[in-house]
Amino acid sequence: MKKQIAIVLASTALVCAASAADKFTGIITEDMCGSEGHSAMKMGPPDSKCVIACVKEMKAKYALNDGKQVYVLSDQKTPEKFAAKKVTVTGTLDAANKTIQVEKIETAK
């Protein structure tokens, strides 16, 4: 009986830990320009066409710039429709790799 209770408690803890997603708000951009944005190229803020072109033609990856850090997104398809827009990404951060395992992306309120 004690063993069964221990297994149930351990399973519950794993489920709770696995579902602990955070929310990150920022601009969908790409990882090549980083936190400097497009100002290094004297282009001003990124527009959606520029972000999409960098990803497709320069092999950049979609990323979220929260104003402090740039995080590469695990989902490389959904961000295209949000390129250069402010969004909230729900997911799990891998701080060592500066990557967000994306669960959901939605327009920021």
Protein backbone atom coordinates (compact mmCIF):
# COMPACT_ATOMS: atom_id res chain seq x y z
CA MET A 1 0.00 0.00 0.00
CA LYS A 2 2.81 2.44 0.87
CA LYS A 3 4.49 1.65 -2.44
CA GLN A 4 1.27 2.43 -4.36
CA ILE A 5 0.84 5.74 -2.55
CA ALA A 6 4.45 6.66 -3.31
CA ILE A 7 3.93 5.86 -6.99
CA VAL A 8 0.77 8.00 -7.15
CA LEU A 9 2.50 10.92 -5.44
CA ALA A 10 5.52 10.67 -7.73
CA SER A 11 3.31 10.51 -10.82
CA THR A 12 1.33 13.55 -9.68
CA ALA A 13 4.53 15.50 -9.09
CA LEU A 14 5.78 14.66 -12.59
CA VAL A 15 2.52 15.74 -14.20
CA CYS A 16 2.53 19.03 -12.29
CA ALA A 17 6.16 19.70 -13.20
CA ALA A 18 5.54 18.89 -16.86
CA SER A 19 2.64 21.31 -17.11
CA ALA A 20 4.43 24.25 -15.52
CA ALA A 21 4.45 26.55 -18.55
CA ASP A 22 5.36 30.21 -18.35
CA LYS A 23 4.26 33.20 -20.43
CA PHE A 24 6.72 35.40 -22.29
CA THR A 25 5.73 38.65 -24.01
CA GLY A 26 7.73 40.33 -26.75
CA ILE A 27 8.14 40.82 -30.48
CA ILE A 28 8.45 37.95 -32.95
CA THR A 29 11.73 38.49 -34.78
CA GLU A 30 14.62 36.29 -35.85
CA ASP A 31 17.78 35.20 -34.10
CA MET A 32 20.35 36.70 -36.49
CA CYS A 33 19.74 40.34 -35.55
CA GLY A 34 19.47 39.44 -31.90
CA SER A 35 18.61 42.02 -29.28
CA GLU A 36 20.02 44.83 -31.46
CA GLY A 37 17.10 44.40 -33.80
CA HIS A 38 17.48 45.82 -37.25
CA SER A 39 19.02 49.08 -36.02
CA ALA A 40 22.48 47.70 -36.79
CA MET A 41 21.44 47.68 -40.45
CA LYS A 42 19.86 51.14 -40.08
CA MET A 43 16.49 49.69 -40.98
CA GLY A 44 14.58 50.64 -37.85
CA PRO A 45 12.11 48.24 -36.27
CA PRO A 46 11.61 44.99 -38.15
CA ASP A 47 8.65 44.64 -40.42
CA SER A 48 7.01 41.29 -41.06
CA LYS A 49 8.42 40.97 -44.59
CA CYS A 50 11.97 41.46 -43.35
CA VAL A 51 11.62 38.93 -40.52
CA ILE A 52 10.08 36.31 -42.82
CA ALA A 53 12.74 36.92 -45.49
CA CYS A 54 15.57 36.54 -42.95
CA VAL A 55 14.14 33.21 -41.80
CA LYS A 56 13.55 31.86 -45.29
CA GLU A 57 16.55 33.23 -47.15
CA MET A 58 19.22 33.63 -44.48
CA LYS A 59 18.35 30.46 -42.55
CA ALA A 60 17.63 32.46 -39.40
CA LYS A 61 15.23 31.08 -36.79
CA TYR A 62 12.09 32.70 -35.45
CA ALA A 63 12.69 34.13 -32.01
CA LEU A 64 11.03 36.20 -29.32
CA ASN A 65 12.68 39.47 -28.28
CA ASP A 66 11.35 40.49 -24.86
CA GLY A 67 13.45 43.66 -24.75
CA LYS A 68 16.18 42.03 -22.65
CA GLN A 69 16.82 38.63 -24.22
CA VAL A 70 16.20 36.89 -27.52
CA TYR A 71 14.81 33.37 -27.23
CA VAL A 72 14.71 30.96 -30.18
CA LEU A 73 11.29 29.33 -30.52
CA SER A 74 10.89 25.57 -30.89
CA ASP A 75 7.93 26.11 -33.23
CA GLN A 76 9.27 27.48 -36.50
CA LYS A 77 5.97 27.52 -38.43
CA THR A 78 3.39 29.37 -36.30
CA PRO A 79 5.52 32.51 -35.67
CA GLU A 80 5.42 33.46 -39.37
CA LYS A 81 1.88 34.82 -39.06
CA PHE A 82 2.99 36.90 -36.04
CA ALA A 83 6.24 38.23 -37.57
CA ALA A 84 7.18 41.67 -36.17
CA LYS A 85 4.13 41.70 -33.90
CA LYS A 86 3.87 41.78 -30.10
CA VAL A 87 2.80 38.37 -28.80
CA THR A 88 2.55 36.26 -25.70
CA VAL A 89 4.24 32.87 -25.98
CA THR A 90 3.19 30.16 -23.56
CA GLY A 91 5.87 27.54 -23.08
CA THR A 92 8.82 26.24 -21.14
CA LEU A 93 12.15 28.06 -21.11
CA ASP A 94 15.42 26.21 -21.52
CA ALA A 95 17.61 28.94 -20.03
CA ALA A 96 20.88 27.21 -20.92
CA ASN A 97 20.03 27.24 -24.64
CA LYS A 98 17.84 30.39 -24.58
CA THR A 99 15.06 28.40 -26.25
CA ILE A 100 11.35 28.34 -25.51
CA GLN A 101 9.49 25.07 -26.04
CA VAL A 102 6.33 26.60 -27.48
CA GLU A 103 2.85 25.48 -26.44
CA LYS A 104 0.92 28.47 -27.76
CA ILE A 105 1.44 31.86 -29.41
CA GLU A 106 -1.20 34.57 -29.30
CA THR A 107 -1.40 38.30 -29.92
CA ALA A 108 -0.44 40.21 -26.77
CA LYS A 109 -3.21 42.13 -25.09
